[in-house]
C-alpha atoms as a PDB file:
ATOM      1  CA  MET A   1      22.278  11.740-170.975  1.00  0.00           C
ATOM      2  CA  LYS A   2      19.812   9.624-173.114  1.00  0.00           C
ATOM      3  CA  GLN A   3      22.712   7.664-174.575  1.00  0.00           C
ATOM      4  CA  SER A   4      24.257   6.918-171.123  1.00  0.00           C
ATOM      5  CA  SER A   5      21.126   5.570-169.823  1.00  0.00           C
ATOM      6  CA  THR A   6      20.921   3.270-172.922  1.00  0.00           C
ATOM      7  CA  ARG A   7      24.260   2.069-172.224  1.00  0.00           C
ATOM      8  CA  ARG A   8      23.688   1.230-168.668  1.00  0.00           C
ATOM      9  CA  ALA A   9      20.351  -0.492-169.520  1.00  0.00           C
ATOM     10  CA  MET A  10      22.380  -2.512-171.936  1.00  0.00           C
ATOM     11  CA  PHE A  11      24.824  -3.676-169.104  1.00  0.00           C
ATOM     12  CA  VAL A  12      21.795  -4.539-167.237  1.00  0.00           C
ATOM     13  CA  LEU A  13      20.543  -6.747-170.136  1.00  0.00           C
ATOM     14  CA  ALA A  14      24.100  -8.256-170.669  1.00  0.00           C
ATOM     15  CA  ALA A  15      24.007  -9.276-166.761  1.00  0.00           C
ATOM     16  CA  ILE A  16      20.766 -10.913-167.186  1.00  0.00           C
ATOM     17  CA  LEU A  17      22.031 -12.736-170.215  1.00  0.00           C
ATOM     18  CA  VAL A  18      24.916 -13.965-168.420  1.00  0.00           C
ATOM     19  CA  ALA A  19      22.920 -15.235-165.541  1.00  0.00           C
ATOM     20  CA  ALA A  20      20.365 -16.958-167.404  1.00  0.00           C
ATOM     21  CA  ALA A  21      22.932 -18.790-169.772  1.00  0.00           C
ATOM     22  CA  PHE A  22      24.865 -20.215-166.572  1.00  0.00           C
ATOM     23  CA  SER A  23      22.295 -20.428-163.976  1.00  0.00           C
ATOM     24  CA  THR A  24      22.311 -24.481-164.248  1.00  0.00           C
ATOM     25  CA  PRO A  25      25.472 -25.968-163.211  1.00  0.00           C
ATOM     26  CA  SER A  26      25.374 -28.670-165.988  1.00  0.00           C
ATOM     27  CA  LEU A  27      25.648 -25.890-168.698  1.00  0.00           C
ATOM     28  CA  ALA A  28      29.186 -25.001-167.181  1.00  0.00           C
ATOM     29  CA  ASN A  29      32.139 -26.353-169.220  1.00  0.00           C
ATOM     30  CA  ASP A  30      34.491 -26.775-166.248  1.00  0.00           C
ATOM     31  CA  PRO A  31      34.077 -29.133-163.567  1.00  0.00           C
ATOM     32  CA  ASP A  32      31.494 -28.391-160.976  1.00  0.00           C
ATOM     33  CA  PRO A  33      32.716 -27.027-157.697  1.00  0.00           C
ATOM     34  CA  LEU A  34      32.738 -28.984-154.434  1.00  0.00           C
ATOM     35  CA  GLN A  35      32.431 -25.898-152.076  1.00  0.00           C
ATOM     36  CA  ASP A  36      30.956 -22.577-151.822  1.00  0.00           C
ATOM     37  CA  PHE A  37      33.802 -21.048-153.542  1.00  0.00           C
ATOM     38  CA  CYS A  38      37.442 -21.751-154.209  1.00  0.00           C
ATOM     39  CA  VAL A  39      39.380 -18.265-154.696  1.00  0.00           C
ATOM     40  CA  ALA A  40      42.252 -18.649-156.871  1.00  0.00           C
ATOM     41  CA  ASP A  41      45.555 -18.428-155.155  1.00  0.00           C
ATOM     42  CA  PRO A  42      48.121 -18.142-157.984  1.00  0.00           C
ATOM     43  CA  THR A  43      51.067 -17.555-155.527  1.00  0.00           C
ATOM     44  CA  SER A  44      50.693 -21.048-154.021  1.00  0.00           C
ATOM     45  CA  GLY A  45      53.448 -22.904-156.519  1.00  0.00           C
ATOM     46  CA  ILE A  46      51.269 -25.968-156.669  1.00  0.00           C
ATOM     47  CA  THR A  47      50.512 -27.074-160.444  1.00  0.00           C
ATOM     48  CA  LEU A  48      46.942 -28.419-161.084  1.00  0.00           C
ATOM     49  CA  ASN A  49      44.065 -28.300-163.264  1.00  0.00           C
ATOM     50  CA  GLY A  50      42.720 -24.766-162.377  1.00  0.00           C
ATOM     51  CA  PHE A  51      44.278 -22.894-159.245  1.00  0.00           C
ATOM     52  CA  PRO A  52      44.636 -24.033-155.598  1.00  0.00           C
ATOM     53  CA  CYS A  53      42.218 -22.491-153.109  1.00  0.00           C
ATOM     54  CA  LYS A  54      43.018 -19.428-151.162  1.00  0.00           C
ATOM     55  CA  ASN A  55      42.553 -19.786-147.254  1.00  0.00           C
ATOM     56  CA  PRO A  56      39.091 -18.958-146.577  1.00  0.00           C
ATOM     57  CA  ALA A  57      39.998 -16.656-143.627  1.00  0.00           C
ATOM     58  CA  ASN A  58      41.713 -14.393-146.135  1.00  0.00           C
ATOM     59  CA  VAL A  59      39.189 -14.306-148.701  1.00  0.00           C
ATOM     60  CA  THR A  60      37.649 -10.695-149.092  1.00  0.00           C
ATOM     61  CA  ALA A  61      34.856  -9.266-151.369  1.00  0.00           C
ATOM     62  CA  ASN A  62      37.549  -7.863-153.664  1.00  0.00           C
ATOM     63  CA  ASP A  63      38.341 -11.379-154.587  1.00  0.00           C
ATOM     64  CA  PHE A  64      34.952 -11.507-156.454  1.00  0.00           C
ATOM     65  CA  PHE A  65      34.909  -8.026-157.909  1.00  0.00           C
ATOM     66  CA  PHE A  66      36.400  -6.387-161.059  1.00  0.00           C
ATOM     67  CA  ALA A  67      35.572  -3.051-162.674  1.00  0.00           C
ATOM     68  CA  GLY A  68      37.670  -3.398-165.769  1.00  0.00           C
ATOM     69  CA  ILE A  69      34.934  -3.846-168.365  1.00  0.00           C
ATOM     70  CA  ALA A  70      33.069  -0.771-167.127  1.00  0.00           C
ATOM     71  CA  LYS A  71      34.682   1.592-169.627  1.00  0.00           C
ATOM     72  CA  ALA A  72      35.864   1.090-173.220  1.00  0.00           C
ATOM     73  CA  GLY A  73      39.270  -0.037-173.938  1.00  0.00           C
ATOM     74  CA  ALA A  74      41.812   1.639-176.238  1.00  0.00           C
ATOM     75  CA  THR A  75      41.221   0.548-179.827  1.00  0.00           C
ATOM     76  CA  ASN A  76      44.074   2.505-181.633  1.00  0.00           C
ATOM     77  CA  ASN A  77      46.019  -0.443-182.582  1.00  0.00           C
ATOM     78  CA  THR A  78      46.355  -2.481-185.855  1.00  0.00           C
ATOM     79  CA  GLN A  79      43.341  -4.505-185.663  1.00  0.00           C
ATOM     80  CA  GLY A  80      41.018  -1.641-184.356  1.00  0.00           C
ATOM     81  CA  SER A  81      39.740  -3.683-181.527  1.00  0.00           C
ATOM     82  CA  VAL A  82      40.589  -4.693-177.852  1.00  0.00           C
ATOM     83  CA  VAL A  83      39.437  -7.360-175.726  1.00  0.00           C
ATOM     84  CA  THR A  84      39.271  -6.962-171.828  1.00  0.00           C
ATOM     85  CA  GLY A  85      38.944 -10.144-169.888  1.00  0.00           C
ATOM     86  CA  ALA A  86      37.058 -10.694-166.792  1.00  0.00           C
ATOM     87  CA  ASN A  87      38.149 -14.232-166.251  1.00  0.00           C
ATOM     88  CA  VAL A  88      39.918 -16.058-163.218  1.00  0.00           C
ATOM     89  CA  GLU A  89      42.999 -14.080-163.945  1.00  0.00           C
ATOM     90  CA  MET A  90      41.209 -10.839-162.997  1.00  0.00           C
ATOM     91  CA  ILE A  91      38.402 -12.165-160.593  1.00  0.00           C
ATOM     92  CA  PRO A  92      40.152 -15.070-158.415  1.00  0.00           C
ATOM     93  CA  GLY A  93      36.694 -15.731-157.045  1.00  0.00           C
ATOM     94  CA  LEU A  94      35.677 -17.360-160.290  1.00  0.00           C
ATOM     95  CA  ASN A  95      38.185 -20.296-159.695  1.00  0.00           C
ATOM     96  CA  THR A  96      35.946 -23.664-160.093  1.00  0.00           C
ATOM     97  CA  LEU A  97      32.617 -21.756-161.041  1.00  0.00           C
ATOM     98  CA  GLY A  98      32.922 -22.284-164.870  1.00  0.00           C
ATOM     99  CA  VAL A  99      32.005 -18.797-166.001  1.00  0.00           C
ATOM    100  CA  SER A 100      33.839 -15.696-167.205  1.00  0.00           C
ATOM    101  CA  LEU A 101      33.059 -12.611-169.230  1.00  0.00           C
ATOM    102  CA  ALA A 102      34.962 -10.261-171.576  1.00  0.00           C
ATOM    103  CA  ARG A 103      34.294  -6.881-173.093  1.00  0.00           C
ATOM    104  CA  ILE A 104      35.465  -6.257-176.747  1.00  0.00           C
ATOM    105  CA  ASP A 105      35.499  -2.750-178.200  1.00  0.00           C
ATOM    106  CA  TYR A 106      35.796  -1.957-181.907  1.00  0.00           C
ATOM    107  CA  ALA A 107      36.829   1.168-183.747  1.00  0.00           C
ATOM    108  CA  PRO A 108      34.979   1.855-187.107  1.00  0.00           C
ATOM    109  CA  GLY A 109      36.219  -0.726-189.356  1.00  0.00           C
ATOM    110  CA  GLY A 110      37.688  -2.686-186.283  1.00  0.00           C
ATOM    111  CA  LEU A 111      38.184  -6.415-186.444  1.00  0.00           C
ATOM    112  CA  ASN A 112      38.550  -9.156-183.840  1.00  0.00           C
ATOM    113  CA  PRO A 113      40.284 -11.490-186.114  1.00  0.00           C
ATOM    114  CA  PRO A 114      39.584 -15.118-186.488  1.00  0.00           C
ATOM    115  CA  HIS A 115      40.163 -17.155-183.475  1.00  0.00           C
ATOM    116  CA  THR A 116      38.865 -19.955-181.263  1.00  0.00           C
ATOM    117  CA  HIS A 117      38.150 -20.537-177.584  1.00  0.00           C
ATOM    118  CA  PRO A 118      39.332 -24.242-176.840  1.00  0.00           C
ATOM    119  CA  ARG A 119      37.567 -24.473-173.518  1.00  0.00           C
ATOM    120  CA  ALA A 120      34.342 -22.652-173.797  1.00  0.00           C
ATOM    121  CA  THR A 121      31.337 -21.568-175.914  1.00  0.00           C
ATOM    122  CA  GLU A 122      30.819 -17.794-176.376  1.00  0.00           C
ATOM    123  CA  ILE A 123      27.779 -15.678-176.479  1.00  0.00           C
ATOM    124  CA  ALA A 124      28.338 -12.099-177.262  1.00  0.00           C
ATOM    125  CA  PHE A 125      25.682  -9.351-176.513  1.00  0.00           C
ATOM    126  CA  VAL A 126      25.980  -6.127-178.477  1.00  0.00           C
ATOM    127  CA  LEU A 127      26.067  -2.921-176.008  1.00  0.00           C
ATOM    128  CA  TYR A 128      26.098  -0.563-178.925  1.00  0.00           C
ATOM    129  CA  GLY A 129      27.212  -0.278-182.485  1.00  0.00           C
ATOM    130  CA  GLU A 130      26.671  -2.826-185.332  1.00  0.00           C
ATOM    131  CA  LEU A 131      28.710  -5.936-186.172  1.00  0.00           C
ATOM    132  CA  ASP A 132      29.277  -8.454-188.918  1.00  0.00           C
ATOM    133  CA  VAL A 133      29.923 -11.787-187.025  1.00  0.00           C
ATOM    134  CA  GLY A 134      30.483 -15.500-188.045  1.00  0.00           C
ATOM    135  CA  PHE A 135      31.661 -18.808-187.174  1.00  0.00           C
ATOM    136  CA  ILE A 136      33.127 -21.838-189.758  1.00  0.00           C
ATOM    137  CA  THR A 137      31.815 -25.115-188.912  1.00  0.00           C
ATOM    138  CA  THR A 138      33.914 -28.461-189.168  1.00  0.00           C
ATOM    139  CA  ALA A 139      32.078 -28.875-192.577  1.00  0.00           C
ATOM    140  CA  ASN A 140      33.843 -25.602-193.781  1.00  0.00           C
ATOM    141  CA  VAL A 141      30.494 -23.518-193.727  1.00  0.00           C
ATOM    142  CA  LEU A 142      30.263 -19.966-192.853  1.00  0.00           C
ATOM    143  CA  VAL A 143      27.260 -19.147-190.452  1.00  0.00           C
ATOM    144  CA  SER A 144      27.334 -15.117-190.371  1.00  0.00           C
ATOM    145  CA  LYS A 145      25.082 -12.539-189.380  1.00  0.00           C
ATOM    146  CA  HIS A 146      24.742  -8.685-189.055  1.00  0.00           C
ATOM    147  CA  ILE A 147      23.943  -7.813-185.468  1.00  0.00           C
ATOM    148  CA  ALA A 148      23.117  -4.563-183.644  1.00  0.00           C
ATOM    149  CA  ALA A 149      22.737  -3.124-180.184  1.00  0.00           C
ATOM    150  CA  GLY A 150      20.441  -5.522-178.272  1.00  0.00           C
ATOM    151  CA  GLY A 151      21.343  -8.502-180.166  1.00  0.00           C
ATOM    152  CA  GLY A 152      23.330 -11.500-179.257  1.00  0.00           C
ATOM    153  CA  PHE A 153      25.066 -14.188-181.047  1.00  0.00           C
ATOM    154  CA  VAL A 154      26.567 -17.553-180.071  1.00  0.00           C
ATOM    155  CA  PHE A 155      29.732 -18.957-181.051  1.00  0.00           C
ATOM    156  CA  PRO A 156      30.053 -22.657-180.382  1.00  0.00           C
ATOM    157  CA  ARG A 157      32.982 -24.103-178.445  1.00  0.00           C
ATOM    158  CA  GLY A 158      36.264 -24.486-180.496  1.00  0.00           C
ATOM    159  CA  LEU A 159      34.993 -23.296-183.819  1.00  0.00           C
ATOM    160  CA  VAL A 160      36.941 -20.583-185.525  1.00  0.00           C
ATOM    161  CA  HIS A 161      35.020 -17.160-185.334  1.00  0.00           C
ATOM    162  CA  PHE A 162      35.377 -13.470-185.803  1.00  0.00           C
ATOM    163  CA  GLN A 163      33.536 -10.059-185.398  1.00  0.00           C
ATOM    164  CA  LYS A 164      34.160  -7.044-187.920  1.00  0.00           C
ATOM    165  CA  ASN A 165      32.598  -3.471-187.393  1.00  0.00           C
ATOM    166  CA  ASN A 166      31.866  -2.249-190.663  1.00  0.00           C
ATOM    167  CA  GLY A 167      30.112   0.757-189.676  1.00  0.00           C
ATOM    168  CA  TYR A 168      31.139   4.240-189.122  1.00  0.00           C
ATOM    169  CA  MET A 169      30.553   4.492-185.509  1.00  0.00           C
ATOM    170  CA  PRO A 170      32.487   2.554-182.485  1.00  0.00           C
ATOM    171  CA  ALA A 171      30.768  -0.653-181.500  1.00  0.00           C
ATOM    172  CA  ALA A 172      30.957  -2.962-178.180  1.00  0.00           C
ATOM    173  CA  VAL A 173      29.812  -6.336-176.855  1.00  0.00           C
ATOM    174  CA  ILE A 174      30.002  -8.201-173.667  1.00  0.00           C
ATOM    175  CA  SER A 175      30.825 -11.913-173.976  1.00  0.00           C
ATOM    176  CA  ALA A 176      29.985 -14.509-171.547  1.00  0.00           C
ATOM    177  CA  LEU A 177      31.912 -17.892-171.522  1.00  0.00           C
ATOM    178  CA  ASN A 178      31.220 -20.877-169.835  1.00  0.00           C
ATOM    179  CA  SER A 179      34.713 -21.394-168.636  1.00  0.00           C
ATOM    180  CA  GLN A 180      36.661 -19.683-165.934  1.00  0.00           C
ATOM    181  CA  LEU A 181      39.542 -19.302-168.506  1.00  0.00           C
ATOM    182  CA  ALA A 182      38.343 -20.063-171.975  1.00  0.00           C
ATOM    183  CA  GLY A 183      41.682 -19.919-173.740  1.00  0.00           C
ATOM    184  CA  THR A 184      42.144 -17.929-177.073  1.00  0.00           C
ATOM    185  CA  GLN A 185      44.147 -18.952-180.247  1.00  0.00           C
ATOM    186  CA  SER A 186      44.260 -16.302-182.892  1.00  0.00           C
ATOM    187  CA  ILE A 187      44.639 -18.365-186.129  1.00  0.00           C
ATOM    188  CA  ALA A 188      47.165 -16.077-187.647  1.00  0.00           C
ATOM    189  CA  LEU A 189      49.275 -15.223-184.572  1.00  0.00           C
ATOM    190  CA  THR A 190      49.160 -18.992-183.561  1.00  0.00           C
ATOM    191  CA  LEU A 191      50.549 -20.169-187.050  1.00  0.00           C
ATOM    192  CA  PHE A 192      53.089 -17.464-187.656  1.00  0.00           C
ATOM    193  CA  THR A 193      54.437 -16.269-184.536  1.00  0.00           C
ATOM    194  CA  SER A 194      54.442 -19.426-182.313  1.00  0.00           C
ATOM    195  CA  SER A 195      57.828 -20.141-180.385  1.00  0.00           C
ATOM    196  CA  PRO A 196      59.689 -22.115-181.486  1.00  0.00           C
ATOM    197  CA  PRO A 197      58.285 -21.267-185.077  1.00  0.00           C
ATOM    198  CA  VAL A 198      56.195 -23.417-187.378  1.00  0.00           C
ATOM    199  CA  PRO A 199      58.740 -24.849-190.110  1.00  0.00           C
ATOM    200  CA  ASP A 200      58.569 -22.642-193.131  1.00  0.00           C
ATOM    201  CA  ASN A 201      57.803 -25.755-195.347  1.00  0.00           C
ATOM    202  CA  VAL A 202      54.706 -26.477-193.426  1.00  0.00           C
ATOM    203  CA  LEU A 203      53.344 -23.034-193.963  1.00  0.00           C
ATOM    204  CA  THR A 204      54.424 -22.621-197.679  1.00  0.00           C
ATOM    205  CA  LYS A 205      52.619 -25.946-198.271  1.00  0.00           C
ATOM    206  CA  ALA A 206      49.558 -25.246-196.368  1.00  0.00           C
ATOM    207  CA  PHE A 207      49.152 -21.663-197.594  1.00  0.00           C
ATOM    208  CA  GLN A 208      50.443 -22.285-201.230  1.00  0.00           C
ATOM    209  CA  ILE A 209      52.928 -19.504-200.748  1.00  0.00           C
ATOM    210  CA  GLY A 210      56.681 -18.989-200.986  1.00  0.00           C
ATOM    211  CA  THR A 211      59.113 -18.671-198.225  1.00  0.00           C
ATOM    212  CA  LYS A 212      59.401 -14.871-198.905  1.00  0.00           C
ATOM    213  CA  GLU A 213      55.788 -14.255-198.207  1.00  0.00           C
ATOM    214  CA  VAL A 214      56.036 -16.397-194.864  1.00  0.00           C
ATOM    215  CA  THR A 215      58.762 -14.046-193.823  1.00  0.00           C
ATOM    216  CA  LYS A 216      56.856 -11.024-194.560  1.00  0.00           C
ATOM    217  CA  ILE A 217      53.690 -12.300-192.792  1.00  0.00           C
ATOM    218  CA  ARG A 218      55.612 -13.257-189.811  1.00  0.00           C
ATOM    219  CA  ALA A 219      57.428  -9.724-189.566  1.00  0.00           C
ATOM    220  CA  LYS A 220      54.017  -7.898-189.787  1.00  0.00           C
ATOM    221  CA  LEU A 221      52.221 -10.241-187.388  1.00  0.00           C
ATOM    222  CA  SER A 222      55.270 -10.206-184.747  1.00  0.00           C
ATOM    223  CA  ALA A 223      55.055  -6.513-184.713  1.00  0.00           C
ATOM    224  CA  MET A 224      51.311  -6.803-183.426  1.00  0.00           C
ATOM    225  CA  LYS A 225      52.033  -8.885-180.328  1.00  0.00           C
END
């Protein structure tokens, strides 16, 4: 019971953190809204930067609700981690509001591999467990720290970053991002599993490896997609 209460308290603190981080419109990375809300209508067929607005007469409270980050996700995969997004694709009411959340769960030894968010800065708040986290600057400097339950860490927009659970217990974070759809590019998957593929001679020269190694890496990473 005590552990459950502690986790509930952590969720409350995470919610306060998100509210404080994005309470000022100028902090939002996406364009400011011009109306109270613009619930996304992905079925409209109209292509624009974001999503067209749903008819306000058809908007319901469910357009602003999502329960998907309440429970831990399954981490029985190759990386030992799973990301559960709470962005505009899950919560249509986030359209034009410039904010989203994600829950990330880590098995012992689990890794959220090096990746970037091209459209958002991220702040991760640890619900439970401990993590080694870091990002790499454009000057190729690693900024890293060990963080535990109740701690938070910021990953600046566009910079490569990661989180690793080096402990013996599961861990989880709630991340807030200042975009309704931050986008994620996993470095390894982007380079080795793109379609069409990045030419072998680009990868062999960039990583100073042979074509056989490129083929092996592609095969391993493709199985993870």
